[in-house]
C-alpha atoms as a PDB file:
ATOM      1  CA  MET A   1       2.855 -16.922  19.938  1.00  0.00           C
ATOM      2  CA  PRO A   2      -0.872 -17.526  19.184  1.00  0.00           C
ATOM      3  CA  ILE A   3      -1.882 -19.168  15.552  1.00  0.00           C
ATOM      4  CA  LEU A   4      -3.378 -17.401  13.198  1.00  0.00           C
ATOM      5  CA  TYR A   5      -3.554 -19.936  10.483  1.00  0.00           C
ATOM      6  CA  ALA A   6      -2.272 -23.612   9.895  1.00  0.00           C
ATOM      7  CA  ASN A   7      -2.665 -25.595   6.776  1.00  0.00           C
ATOM      8  CA  ASN A   8      -0.672 -28.300   5.653  1.00  0.00           C
ATOM      9  CA  GLY A   9       2.204 -27.559   7.507  1.00  0.00           C
ATOM     10  CA  LEU A  10       2.339 -24.361   6.945  1.00  0.00           C
ATOM     11  CA  VAL A  11       1.632 -22.399   9.970  1.00  0.00           C
ATOM     12  CA  ILE A  12       1.572 -18.460  10.887  1.00  0.00           C
ATOM     13  CA  ARG A  13       1.325 -16.843  14.105  1.00  0.00           C
ATOM     14  CA  ILE A  14       1.533 -13.358  15.563  1.00  0.00           C
ATOM     15  CA  ASN A  15       4.051 -12.213  18.831  1.00  0.00           C
ATOM     16  CA  ASN A  16       2.128  -8.929  19.485  1.00  0.00           C
ATOM     17  CA  ARG A  17       4.832  -8.400  22.440  1.00  0.00           C
ATOM     18  CA  GLU A  18       7.998  -8.380  20.705  1.00  0.00           C
ATOM     19  CA  LYS A  19       9.783  -5.209  21.317  1.00  0.00           C
ATOM     20  CA  GLY A  20      11.921  -2.665  19.217  1.00  0.00           C
ATOM     21  CA  HIS A  21       9.702  -4.050  15.655  1.00  0.00           C
ATOM     22  CA  LYS A  22       9.185  -0.899  14.296  1.00  0.00           C
ATOM     23  CA  ARG A  23       7.428  -3.125  10.988  1.00  0.00           C
ATOM     24  CA  PRO A  24       4.351  -5.437  11.711  1.00  0.00           C
ATOM     25  CA  HIS A  25       4.916  -8.727  10.726  1.00  0.00           C
ATOM     26  CA  VAL A  26       4.174 -11.948  11.449  1.00  0.00           C
ATOM     27  CA  HIS A  27       6.188 -15.290  11.686  1.00  0.00           C
ATOM     28  CA  VAL A  28       5.931 -18.360   9.535  1.00  0.00           C
ATOM     29  CA  PHE A  29       6.929 -21.586  10.008  1.00  0.00           C
ATOM     30  CA  TYR A  30       7.145 -24.287   7.326  1.00  0.00           C
ATOM     31  CA  LYS A  31       9.385 -27.409   6.962  1.00  0.00           C
ATOM     32  CA  GLY A  32      11.162 -26.496  10.544  1.00  0.00           C
ATOM     33  CA  GLU A  33      12.434 -23.350   9.244  1.00  0.00           C
ATOM     34  CA  ASP A  34      11.167 -19.693  10.537  1.00  0.00           C
ATOM     35  CA  TYR A  35      10.573 -17.036   8.179  1.00  0.00           C
ATOM     36  CA  SER A  36       8.627 -13.168   8.513  1.00  0.00           C
ATOM     37  CA  PHE A  37       5.992 -11.327   6.920  1.00  0.00           C
ATOM     38  CA  ALA A  38       5.459  -8.009   6.723  1.00  0.00           C
ATOM     39  CA  PHE A  39       1.993  -7.639   6.438  1.00  0.00           C
ATOM     40  CA  ASP A  40       2.231  -6.132   3.195  1.00  0.00           C
ATOM     41  CA  GLY A  41       3.249  -9.468   2.013  1.00  0.00           C
ATOM     42  CA  GLU A  42       6.983  -9.182   2.017  1.00  0.00           C
ATOM     43  CA  GLN A  43       9.378 -11.411   3.009  1.00  0.00           C
ATOM     44  CA  LEU A  44      11.833  -9.959   5.985  1.00  0.00           C
ATOM     45  CA  ASN A  45      14.252 -12.743   6.726  1.00  0.00           C
ATOM     46  CA  GLY A  46      14.047 -16.564   5.203  1.00  0.00           C
ATOM     47  CA  GLY A  47      15.541 -18.410   3.284  1.00  0.00           C
ATOM     48  CA  ARG A  48      13.367 -19.461   0.036  1.00  0.00           C
ATOM     49  CA  LEU A  49      10.282 -21.021  -0.125  1.00  0.00           C
ATOM     50  CA  PRO A  50       7.864 -22.957  -2.732  1.00  0.00           C
ATOM     51  CA  ARG A  51       5.949 -19.988  -4.357  1.00  0.00           C
ATOM     52  CA  LYS A  52       2.390 -22.009  -3.768  1.00  0.00           C
ATOM     53  CA  VAL A  53       3.207 -21.175  -0.530  1.00  0.00           C
ATOM     54  CA  ARG A  54       4.457 -17.793  -0.572  1.00  0.00           C
ATOM     55  CA  GLN A  55       1.255 -17.058  -2.547  1.00  0.00           C
ATOM     56  CA  GLU A  56      -0.535 -19.000   0.273  1.00  0.00           C
ATOM     57  CA  ILE A  57       0.895 -16.333   2.997  1.00  0.00           C
ATOM     58  CA  GLN A  58       0.564 -13.447   0.829  1.00  0.00           C
ATOM     59  CA  TRP A  59      -3.309 -14.549   0.208  1.00  0.00           C
ATOM     60  CA  TYR A  60      -3.937 -14.838   4.001  1.00  0.00           C
ATOM     61  CA  LEU A  61      -2.173 -11.468   4.594  1.00  0.00           C
ATOM     62  CA  ALA A  62      -4.140  -9.967   2.565  1.00  0.00           C
ATOM     63  CA  ASN A  63      -7.400 -10.929   3.376  1.00  0.00           C
ATOM     64  CA  ASN A  64      -6.652 -10.219   7.337  1.00  0.00           C
ATOM     65  CA  GLN A  65      -5.280  -7.157   7.318  1.00  0.00           C
ATOM     66  CA  GLU A  66      -7.901  -5.454   9.799  1.00  0.00           C
ATOM     67  CA  ALA A  67      -7.308  -8.462  12.217  1.00  0.00           C
ATOM     68  CA  LEU A  68      -3.819  -8.756  11.882  1.00  0.00           C
ATOM     69  CA  LYS A  69      -3.335  -4.823  12.664  1.00  0.00           C
ATOM     70  CA  SER A  70      -5.868  -4.846  15.427  1.00  0.00           C
ATOM     71  CA  ILE A  71      -4.299  -7.641  17.147  1.00  0.00           C
ATOM     72  CA  TRP A  72      -0.466  -5.966  16.543  1.00  0.00           C
ATOM     73  CA  ARG A  73      -1.891  -3.110  18.292  1.00  0.00           C
ATOM     74  CA  GLY A  74      -3.254  -5.288  21.314  1.00  0.00           C
ATOM     75  CA  ASP A  75      -6.872  -4.304  20.246  1.00  0.00           C
ATOM     76  CA  PHE A  76      -8.417  -7.550  21.033  1.00  0.00           C
END
Protein backbone atom coordinates (compact mmCIF):
# COMPACT_ATOMS: atom_id res chain seq x y z
CA MET A 1 0.00 0.00 0.00
CA PRO A 2 1.53 3.32 -1.00
CA ILE A 3 1.91 5.98 1.66
CA LEU A 4 -0.19 9.06 0.91
CA TYR A 5 0.57 11.06 4.03
CA ALA A 6 2.86 10.76 7.04
CA ASN A 7 3.26 13.12 9.99
CA ASN A 8 4.30 12.55 13.62
CA GLY A 9 3.56 8.82 13.64
CA LEU A 10 0.35 9.13 11.63
CA VAL A 11 0.44 7.27 8.30
CA ILE A 12 -2.34 7.24 5.71
CA ARG A 13 -2.24 4.57 3.01
CA ILE A 14 -4.56 3.40 0.26
CA ASN A 15 -4.98 -0.02 -1.31
CA ASN A 16 -6.92 0.28 -4.54
CA ARG A 17 -6.45 -3.42 -5.25
CA GLU A 18 -8.72 -4.61 -2.43
CA LYS A 19 -11.61 -6.64 -3.75
CA GLY A 20 -15.10 -6.66 -2.28
CA HIS A 21 -14.89 -3.17 -0.77
CA LYS A 22 -17.76 -1.06 -2.06
CA ARG A 23 -16.99 2.07 -0.08
CA PRO A 24 -13.75 3.87 -0.98
CA HIS A 25 -11.53 4.24 2.06
CA VAL A 26 -8.00 4.72 3.35
CA HIS A 27 -6.09 2.81 5.98
CA VAL A 28 -4.71 4.85 8.85
CA PHE A 29 -1.89 3.61 11.05
CA TYR A 30 -1.25 5.35 14.36
CA LYS A 31 0.69 4.04 17.36
CA GLY A 32 0.67 0.46 16.09
CA GLU A 33 -3.08 0.39 15.44
CA ASP A 34 -4.94 0.15 12.13
CA TYR A 35 -8.04 2.23 11.36
CA SER A 36 -10.14 2.74 8.24
CA PHE A 37 -11.73 6.00 7.12
CA ALA A 38 -14.12 6.56 4.23
CA PHE A 39 -13.21 9.37 1.85
CA ASP A 40 -15.92 11.53 3.47
CA GLY A 41 -14.04 11.34 6.79
CA GLU A 42 -16.26 8.80 8.57
CA GLN A 43 -14.32 6.32 10.66
CA LEU A 44 -15.23 2.80 9.54
CA ASN A 45 -13.29 0.70 12.04
CA GLY A 46 -10.73 0.81 14.81
CA GLY A 47 -10.79 2.29 18.26
CA ARG A 48 -10.87 5.88 19.45
CA LEU A 49 -8.28 8.27 18.14
CA PRO A 50 -7.21 11.51 19.81
CA ARG A 51 -9.32 14.41 18.57
CA LYS A 52 -6.35 16.22 16.95
CA VAL A 53 -5.31 13.09 15.06
CA ARG A 54 -8.87 12.49 13.84
CA GLN A 55 -9.08 16.12 12.72
CA GLU A 56 -5.79 15.81 10.84
CA ILE A 57 -7.09 12.72 9.01
CA GLN A 58 -10.34 14.48 8.15
CA TRP A 59 -8.41 17.56 6.97
CA TYR A 60 -6.27 15.39 4.68
CA LEU A 61 -9.30 13.58 3.25
CA ALA A 62 -11.25 16.80 2.67
CA ASN A 63 -8.35 18.43 0.85
CA ASN A 64 -7.43 15.48 -1.38
CA GLN A 65 -10.76 14.16 -2.67
CA GLU A 66 -9.95 14.20 -6.40
CA ALA A 67 -6.56 12.52 -5.97
CA LEU A 68 -8.03 9.86 -3.67
CA LYS A 69 -10.85 9.08 -6.10
CA SER A 70 -8.40 8.85 -8.98
CA ILE A 71 -6.15 6.45 -7.08
CA TRP A 72 -9.14 4.34 -6.00
CA ARG A 73 -10.29 4.05 -9.64
CA GLY A 74 -6.74 3.25 -10.77
CA ASP A 75 -6.53 6.34 -13.02
CA PHE A 76 -2.95 7.23 -12.07
